[in-house]
Amino acid sequence: MAARESSPDYPMTDATPTTLRTWMCVVCGFIYRESDGLPEEGIAPGTRWEDIPETWTCPDCGVTKDDFEMVEID
């Protein structure tokens, strides 16, 4: 079994790629991409939606996070 664990088919770590998501304001259409963040607002690229403070508001129309939905964009 030791040979199997070192095989390229069995990586040494359980880490899996993480999918970064995109969120859209349902009021004005503003897009927040977790991969891009919002550096101009102090939100670093890679920042997860759930890690953005609840007090954050849409930079375009001012609504809260409650008015955003996760979307898939091609």
PDB file of N, CA and C in Angstrom:
ATOM      1  N   MET A   1       0.813  -1.198   0.000  1.00  0.00           N
ATOM      2  CA  MET A   1       0.000   0.000   0.000  1.00  0.00           C
ATOM      3  C   MET A   1       0.856   1.261   0.000  1.00  0.00           C
ATOM      4  N   ALA A   2       2.065   1.204   0.532  1.00  0.00           N
ATOM      5  CA  ALA A   2       2.928   2.372   0.578  1.00  0.00           C
ATOM      6  C   ALA A   2       3.240   2.881  -0.825  1.00  0.00           C
ATOM      7  N   ALA A   3       3.470   1.978  -1.763  1.00  0.00           N
ATOM      8  CA  ALA A   3       3.751   2.394  -3.133  1.00  0.00           C
ATOM      9  C   ALA A   3       2.551   3.112  -3.732  1.00  0.00           C
ATOM     10  N   ARG A   4       1.368   2.684  -3.383  1.00  0.00           N
ATOM     11  CA  ARG A   4       0.155   3.311  -3.898  1.00  0.00           C
ATOM     12  C   ARG A   4       0.024   4.749  -3.405  1.00  0.00           C
ATOM     13  N   GLU A   5       0.377   4.999  -2.143  1.00  0.00           N
ATOM     14  CA  GLU A   5       0.256   6.343  -1.576  1.00  0.00           C
ATOM     15  C   GLU A   5       1.211   7.329  -2.233  1.00  0.00           C
ATOM     16  N   SER A   6       2.355   6.848  -2.739  1.00  0.00           N
ATOM     17  CA  SER A   6       3.303   7.758  -3.363  1.00  0.00           C
ATOM     18  C   SER A   6       3.088   7.886  -4.871  1.00  0.00           C
ATOM     19  N   SER A   7       2.110   7.185  -5.376  1.00  0.00           N
ATOM     20  CA  SER A   7       1.795   7.231  -6.795  1.00  0.00           C
ATOM     21  C   SER A   7       1.259   8.609  -7.180  1.00  0.00           C
ATOM     22  N   PRO A   8       1.520   9.077  -8.409  1.00  0.00           N
ATOM     23  CA  PRO A   8       0.973  10.365  -8.856  1.00  0.00           C
ATOM     24  C   PRO A   8      -0.555  10.402  -8.828  1.00  0.00           C
ATOM     25  N   ASP A   9      -1.183   9.220  -8.840  1.00  0.00           N
ATOM     26  CA  ASP A   9      -2.646   9.176  -8.792  1.00  0.00           C
ATOM     27  C   ASP A   9      -3.187   9.468  -7.401  1.00  0.00           C
ATOM     28  N   TYR A  10      -2.316   9.436  -6.411  1.00  0.00           N
ATOM     29  CA  TYR A  10      -2.729   9.658  -5.026  1.00  0.00           C
ATOM     30  C   TYR A  10      -1.869  10.765  -4.438  1.00  0.00           C
ATOM     31  N   PRO A  11      -2.303  12.013  -4.549  1.00  0.00           N
ATOM     32  CA  PRO A  11      -1.485  13.131  -4.045  1.00  0.00           C
ATOM     33  C   PRO A  11      -1.283  13.030  -2.534  1.00  0.00           C
ATOM     34  N   MET A  12      -0.231  13.648  -2.073  1.00  0.00           N
ATOM     35  CA  MET A  12       0.124  13.608  -0.660  1.00  0.00           C
ATOM     36  C   MET A  12      -0.767  14.498   0.205  1.00  0.00           C
ATOM     37  N   THR A  13      -1.562  15.317  -0.394  1.00  0.00           N
ATOM     38  CA  THR A  13      -2.401  16.246   0.352  1.00  0.00           C
ATOM     39  C   THR A  13      -3.863  16.068  -0.025  1.00  0.00           C
ATOM     40  N   ASP A  14      -4.731  16.472   0.873  1.00  0.00           N
ATOM     41  CA  ASP A  14      -6.165  16.409   0.608  1.00  0.00           C
ATOM     42  C   ASP A  14      -6.685  17.717   0.017  1.00  0.00           C
ATOM     43  N   ALA A  15      -5.790  18.663  -0.225  1.00  0.00           N
ATOM     44  CA  ALA A  15      -6.206  19.969  -0.735  1.00  0.00           C
ATOM     45  C   ALA A  15      -6.861  19.819  -2.111  1.00  0.00           C
ATOM     46  N   THR A  16      -7.923  20.566  -2.294  1.00  0.00           N
ATOM     47  CA  THR A  16      -8.610  20.582  -3.584  1.00  0.00           C
ATOM     48  C   THR A  16      -8.673  22.019  -4.068  1.00  0.00           C
ATOM     49  N   PRO A  17      -8.724  22.230  -5.371  1.00  0.00           N
ATOM     50  CA  PRO A  17      -8.828  23.601  -5.880  1.00  0.00           C
ATOM     51  C   PRO A  17     -10.097  24.270  -5.352  1.00  0.00           C
ATOM     52  N   THR A  18      -9.974  25.527  -5.035  1.00  0.00           N
ATOM     53  CA  THR A  18     -11.101  26.274  -4.511  1.00  0.00           C
ATOM     54  C   THR A  18     -11.705  27.119  -5.616  1.00  0.00           C
ATOM     55  N   THR A  19     -13.004  27.047  -5.754  1.00  0.00           N
ATOM     56  CA  THR A  19     -13.692  27.830  -6.763  1.00  0.00           C
ATOM     57  C   THR A  19     -14.063  29.184  -6.184  1.00  0.00           C
ATOM     58  N   LEU A  20     -13.636  30.226  -6.862  1.00  0.00           N
ATOM     59  CA  LEU A  20     -14.012  31.575  -6.464  1.00  0.00           C
ATOM     60  C   LEU A  20     -15.304  31.929  -7.195  1.00  0.00           C
ATOM     61  N   ARG A  21     -16.215  32.553  -6.481  1.00  0.00           N
ATOM     62  CA  ARG A  21     -17.545  32.804  -7.017  1.00  0.00           C
ATOM     63  C   ARG A  21     -17.736  34.265  -7.431  1.00  0.00           C
ATOM     64  N   THR A  22     -18.845  34.509  -8.105  1.00  0.00           N
ATOM     65  CA  THR A  22     -19.216  35.845  -8.561  1.00  0.00           C
ATOM     66  C   THR A  22     -20.594  36.163  -7.997  1.00  0.00           C
ATOM     67  N   TRP A  23     -20.746  37.376  -7.521  1.00  0.00           N
ATOM     68  CA  TRP A  23     -22.005  37.831  -6.923  1.00  0.00           C
ATOM     69  C   TRP A  23     -22.492  39.063  -7.658  1.00  0.00           C
ATOM     70  N   MET A  24     -23.808  39.173  -7.857  1.00  0.00           N
ATOM     71  CA  MET A  24     -24.375  40.308  -8.580  1.00  0.00           C
ATOM     72  C   MET A  24     -25.425  41.004  -7.724  1.00  0.00           C
ATOM     73  N   CYS A  25     -25.398  42.327  -7.749  1.00  0.00           N
ATOM     74  CA  CYS A  25     -26.425  43.131  -7.089  1.00  0.00           C
ATOM     75  C   CYS A  25     -27.711  43.011  -7.919  1.00  0.00           C
ATOM     76  N   VAL A  26     -28.789  42.574  -7.284  1.00  0.00           N
ATOM     77  CA  VAL A  26     -30.044  42.405  -8.020  1.00  0.00           C
ATOM     78  C   VAL A  26     -30.731  43.741  -8.280  1.00  0.00           C
ATOM     79  N   VAL A  27     -30.275  44.796  -7.640  1.00  0.00           N
ATOM     80  CA  VAL A  27     -30.872  46.121  -7.834  1.00  0.00           C
ATOM     81  C   VAL A  27     -30.249  46.831  -9.035  1.00  0.00           C
ATOM     82  N   CYS A  28     -28.898  46.859  -9.101  1.00  0.00           N
ATOM     83  CA  CYS A  28     -28.256  47.653 -10.161  1.00  0.00           C
ATOM     84  C   CYS A  28     -27.378  46.838 -11.107  1.00  0.00           C
ATOM     85  N   GLY A  29     -27.112  45.569 -10.779  1.00  0.00           N
ATOM     86  CA  GLY A  29     -26.300  44.742 -11.663  1.00  0.00           C
ATOM     87  C   GLY A  29     -24.808  44.786 -11.395  1.00  0.00           C
ATOM     88  N   PHE A  30     -24.370  45.490 -10.340  1.00  0.00           N
ATOM     89  CA  PHE A  30     -22.943  45.520 -10.002  1.00  0.00           C
ATOM     90  C   PHE A  30     -22.454  44.097  -9.761  1.00  0.00           C
ATOM     91  N   ILE A  31     -21.252  43.784 -10.249  1.00  0.00           N
ATOM     92  CA  ILE A  31     -20.678  42.450 -10.119  1.00  0.00           C
ATOM     93  C   ILE A  31     -19.504  42.479  -9.142  1.00  0.00           C
ATOM     94  N   TYR A  32     -19.534  41.567  -8.165  1.00  0.00           N
ATOM     95  CA  TYR A  32     -18.384  41.355  -7.277  1.00  0.00           C
ATOM     96  C   TYR A  32     -17.805  39.986  -7.582  1.00  0.00           C
ATOM     97  N   ARG A  33     -16.556  39.983  -8.030  1.00  0.00           N
ATOM     98  CA  ARG A  33     -15.846  38.732  -8.316  1.00  0.00           C
ATOM     99  C   ARG A  33     -14.865  38.481  -7.173  1.00  0.00           C
ATOM    100  N   GLU A  34     -15.014  37.345  -6.499  1.00  0.00           N
ATOM    101  CA  GLU A  34     -14.114  37.033  -5.394  1.00  0.00           C
ATOM    102  C   GLU A  34     -12.665  37.024  -5.865  1.00  0.00           C
ATOM    103  N   SER A  35     -12.428  36.594  -7.101  1.00  0.00           N
ATOM    104  CA  SER A  35     -11.057  36.536  -7.620  1.00  0.00           C
ATOM    105  C   SER A  35     -10.436  37.927  -7.745  1.00  0.00           C
ATOM    106  N   ASP A  36     -11.251  38.940  -8.028  1.00  0.00           N
ATOM    107  CA  ASP A  36     -10.753  40.306  -8.206  1.00  0.00           C
ATOM    108  C   ASP A  36     -10.772  41.126  -6.928  1.00  0.00           C
ATOM    109  N   GLY A  37     -11.725  40.828  -6.035  1.00  0.00           N
ATOM    110  CA  GLY A  37     -11.900  41.672  -4.853  1.00  0.00           C
ATOM    111  C   GLY A  37     -12.300  43.077  -5.264  1.00  0.00           C
ATOM    112  N   LEU A  38     -12.138  44.006  -4.357  1.00  0.00           N
ATOM    113  CA  LEU A  38     -12.357  45.433  -4.637  1.00  0.00           C
ATOM    114  C   LEU A  38     -11.252  46.224  -3.950  1.00  0.00           C
ATOM    115  N   PRO A  39     -10.036  46.167  -4.512  1.00  0.00           N
ATOM    116  CA  PRO A  39      -8.896  46.823  -3.863  1.00  0.00           C
ATOM    117  C   PRO A  39      -9.141  48.301  -3.542  1.00  0.00           C
ATOM    118  N   GLU A  40      -9.900  48.986  -4.397  1.00  0.00           N
ATOM    119  CA  GLU A  40     -10.180  50.406  -4.153  1.00  0.00           C
ATOM    120  C   GLU A  40     -11.027  50.624  -2.900  1.00  0.00           C
ATOM    121  N   GLU A  41     -11.664  49.540  -2.400  1.00  0.00           N
ATOM    122  CA  GLU A  41     -12.450  49.609  -1.163  1.00  0.00           C
ATOM    123  C   GLU A  41     -11.783  48.832  -0.034  1.00  0.00           C
ATOM    124  N   GLY A  42     -10.522  48.430  -0.256  1.00  0.00           N
ATOM    125  CA  GLY A  42      -9.793  47.712   0.775  1.00  0.00           C
ATOM    126  C   GLY A  42     -10.112  46.226   0.853  1.00  0.00           C
ATOM    127  N   ILE A  43     -10.748  45.665  -0.192  1.00  0.00           N
ATOM    128  CA  ILE A  43     -11.082  44.245  -0.226  1.00  0.00           C
ATOM    129  C   ILE A  43     -10.115  43.569  -1.197  1.00  0.00           C
ATOM    130  N   ALA A  44      -9.220  42.757  -0.649  1.00  0.00           N
ATOM    131  CA  ALA A  44      -8.150  42.141  -1.437  1.00  0.00           C
ATOM    132  C   ALA A  44      -8.687  41.094  -2.410  1.00  0.00           C
ATOM    133  N   PRO A  45      -8.002  40.917  -3.553  1.00  0.00           N
ATOM    134  CA  PRO A  45      -8.365  39.828  -4.459  1.00  0.00           C
ATOM    135  C   PRO A  45      -8.368  38.498  -3.706  1.00  0.00           C
ATOM    136  N   GLY A  46      -9.349  37.659  -4.016  1.00  0.00           N
ATOM    137  CA  GLY A  46      -9.476  36.370  -3.350  1.00  0.00           C
ATOM    138  C   GLY A  46     -10.343  36.401  -2.107  1.00  0.00           C
ATOM    139  N   THR A  47     -10.852  37.589  -1.744  1.00  0.00           N
ATOM    140  CA  THR A  47     -11.695  37.693  -0.557  1.00  0.00           C
ATOM    141  C   THR A  47     -13.049  37.063  -0.817  1.00  0.00           C
ATOM    142  N   ARG A  48     -13.406  36.099   0.019  1.00  0.00           N
ATOM    143  CA  ARG A  48     -14.690  35.402  -0.092  1.00  0.00           C
ATOM    144  C   ARG A  48     -15.836  36.334   0.280  1.00  0.00           C
ATOM    145  N   TRP A  49     -16.962  36.114  -0.352  1.00  0.00           N
ATOM    146  CA  TRP A  49     -18.165  36.906  -0.092  1.00  0.00           C
ATOM    147  C   TRP A  49     -18.501  36.888   1.391  1.00  0.00           C
ATOM    148  N   GLU A  50     -18.408  35.710   2.005  1.00  0.00           N
ATOM    149  CA  GLU A  50     -18.767  35.603   3.419  1.00  0.00           C
ATOM    150  C   GLU A  50     -17.795  36.339   4.335  1.00  0.00           C
ATOM    151  N   ASP A  51     -16.614  36.705   3.819  1.00  0.00           N
ATOM    152  CA  ASP A  51     -15.639  37.440   4.614  1.00  0.00           C
ATOM    153  C   ASP A  51     -15.773  38.956   4.487  1.00  0.00           C
ATOM    154  N   ILE A  52     -16.643  39.407   3.620  1.00  0.00           N
ATOM    155  CA  ILE A  52     -16.909  40.842   3.495  1.00  0.00           C
ATOM    156  C   ILE A  52     -17.855  41.227   4.632  1.00  0.00           C
ATOM    157  N   PRO A  53     -17.578  42.326   5.321  1.00  0.00           N
ATOM    158  CA  PRO A  53     -18.418  42.723   6.460  1.00  0.00           C
ATOM    159  C   PRO A  53     -19.891  42.902   6.072  1.00  0.00           C
ATOM    160  N   GLU A  54     -20.766  42.557   6.985  1.00  0.00           N
ATOM    161  CA  GLU A  54     -22.209  42.719   6.750  1.00  0.00           C
ATOM    162  C   GLU A  54     -22.588  44.179   6.536  1.00  0.00           C
ATOM    163  N   THR A  55     -21.760  45.090   7.001  1.00  0.00           N
ATOM    164  CA  THR A  55     -22.041  46.527   6.863  1.00  0.00           C
ATOM    165  C   THR A  55     -21.654  47.072   5.491  1.00  0.00           C
ATOM    166  N   TRP A  56     -20.982  46.255   4.669  1.00  0.00           N
ATOM    167  CA  TRP A  56     -20.565  46.680   3.335  1.00  0.00           C
ATOM    168  C   TRP A  56     -21.797  46.944   2.480  1.00  0.00           C
ATOM    169  N   THR A  57     -21.698  47.938   1.606  1.00  0.00           N
ATOM    170  CA  THR A  57     -22.800  48.256   0.695  1.00  0.00           C
ATOM    171  C   THR A  57     -22.293  48.307  -0.743  1.00  0.00           C
ATOM    172  N   CYS A  58     -23.190  48.086  -1.677  1.00  0.00           N
ATOM    173  CA  CYS A  58     -22.872  48.130  -3.097  1.00  0.00           C
ATOM    174  C   CYS A  58     -22.293  49.503  -3.437  1.00  0.00           C
ATOM    175  N   PRO A  59     -21.132  49.535  -4.086  1.00  0.00           N
ATOM    176  CA  PRO A  59     -20.526  50.829  -4.420  1.00  0.00           C
ATOM    177  C   PRO A  59     -21.309  51.625  -5.464  1.00  0.00           C
ATOM    178  N   ASP A  60     -22.183  50.964  -6.216  1.00  0.00           N
ATOM    179  CA  ASP A  60     -22.943  51.678  -7.244  1.00  0.00           C
ATOM    180  C   ASP A  60     -24.295  52.191  -6.756  1.00  0.00           C
ATOM    181  N   CYS A  61     -25.005  51.388  -5.934  1.00  0.00           N
ATOM    182  CA  CYS A  61     -26.364  51.821  -5.549  1.00  0.00           C
ATOM    183  C   CYS A  61     -26.601  51.871  -4.049  1.00  0.00           C
ATOM    184  N   GLY A  62     -25.674  51.345  -3.238  1.00  0.00           N
ATOM    185  CA  GLY A  62     -25.778  51.488  -1.798  1.00  0.00           C
ATOM    186  C   GLY A  62     -26.581  50.438  -1.048  1.00  0.00           C
ATOM    187  N   VAL A  63     -27.096  49.401  -1.746  1.00  0.00           N
ATOM    188  CA  VAL A  63     -27.841  48.362  -1.032  1.00  0.00           C
ATOM    189  C   VAL A  63     -26.875  47.446  -0.274  1.00  0.00           C
ATOM    190  N   THR A  64     -27.406  46.646   0.635  1.00  0.00           N
ATOM    191  CA  THR A  64     -26.583  45.762   1.448  1.00  0.00           C
ATOM    192  C   THR A  64     -26.325  44.427   0.751  1.00  0.00           C
ATOM    193  N   LYS A  65     -25.520  43.604   1.396  1.00  0.00           N
ATOM    194  CA  LYS A  65     -25.195  42.274   0.869  1.00  0.00           C
ATOM    195  C   LYS A  65     -26.435  41.409   0.667  1.00  0.00           C
ATOM    196  N   ASP A  66     -27.503  41.694   1.394  1.00  0.00           N
ATOM    197  CA  ASP A  66     -28.746  40.919   1.257  1.00  0.00           C
ATOM    198  C   ASP A  66     -29.322  41.014  -0.151  1.00  0.00           C
ATOM    199  N   ASP A  67     -28.951  42.054  -0.887  1.00  0.00           N
ATOM    200  CA  ASP A  67     -29.474  42.262  -2.226  1.00  0.00           C
ATOM    201  C   ASP A  67     -28.540  41.753  -3.325  1.00  0.00           C
ATOM    202  N   PHE A  68     -27.646  40.841  -2.971  1.00  0.00           N
ATOM    203  CA  PHE A  68     -26.753  40.216  -3.935  1.00  0.00           C
ATOM    204  C   PHE A  68     -27.085  38.743  -4.049  1.00  0.00           C
ATOM    205  N   GLU A  69     -26.903  38.197  -5.254  1.00  0.00           N
ATOM    206  CA  GLU A  69     -27.099  36.768  -5.494  1.00  0.00           C
ATOM    207  C   GLU A  69     -25.877  36.225  -6.216  1.00  0.00           C
ATOM    208  N   MET A  70     -25.528  34.978  -5.886  1.00  0.00           N
ATOM    209  CA  MET A  70     -24.431  34.334  -6.580  1.00  0.00           C
ATOM    210  C   MET A  70     -24.868  34.028  -8.008  1.00  0.00           C
ATOM    211  N   VAL A  71     -23.993  34.311  -8.980  1.00  0.00           N
ATOM    212  CA  VAL A  71     -24.308  34.077 -10.380  1.00  0.00           C
ATOM    213  C   VAL A  71     -23.148  33.364 -11.054  1.00  0.00           C
ATOM    214  N   GLU A  72     -23.455  32.696 -12.154  1.00  0.00           N
ATOM    215  CA  GLU A  72     -22.419  32.112 -13.000  1.00  0.00           C
ATOM    216  C   GLU A  72     -22.324  32.955 -14.249  1.00  0.00           C
ATOM    217  N   ILE A  73     -21.113  33.394 -14.546  1.00  0.00           N
ATOM    218  CA  ILE A  73     -20.882  34.234 -15.727  1.00  0.00           C
ATOM    219  C   ILE A  73     -19.866  33.525 -16.601  1.00  0.00           C
ATOM    220  N   ASP A  74     -20.190  33.369 -17.871  1.00  0.00           N
ATOM    221  CA  ASP A  74     -19.265  32.708 -18.797  1.00  0.00           C
ATOM    222  C   ASP A  74     -18.139  33.619 -19.183  1.00  0.00           C
TER     223      ASP A  74
END
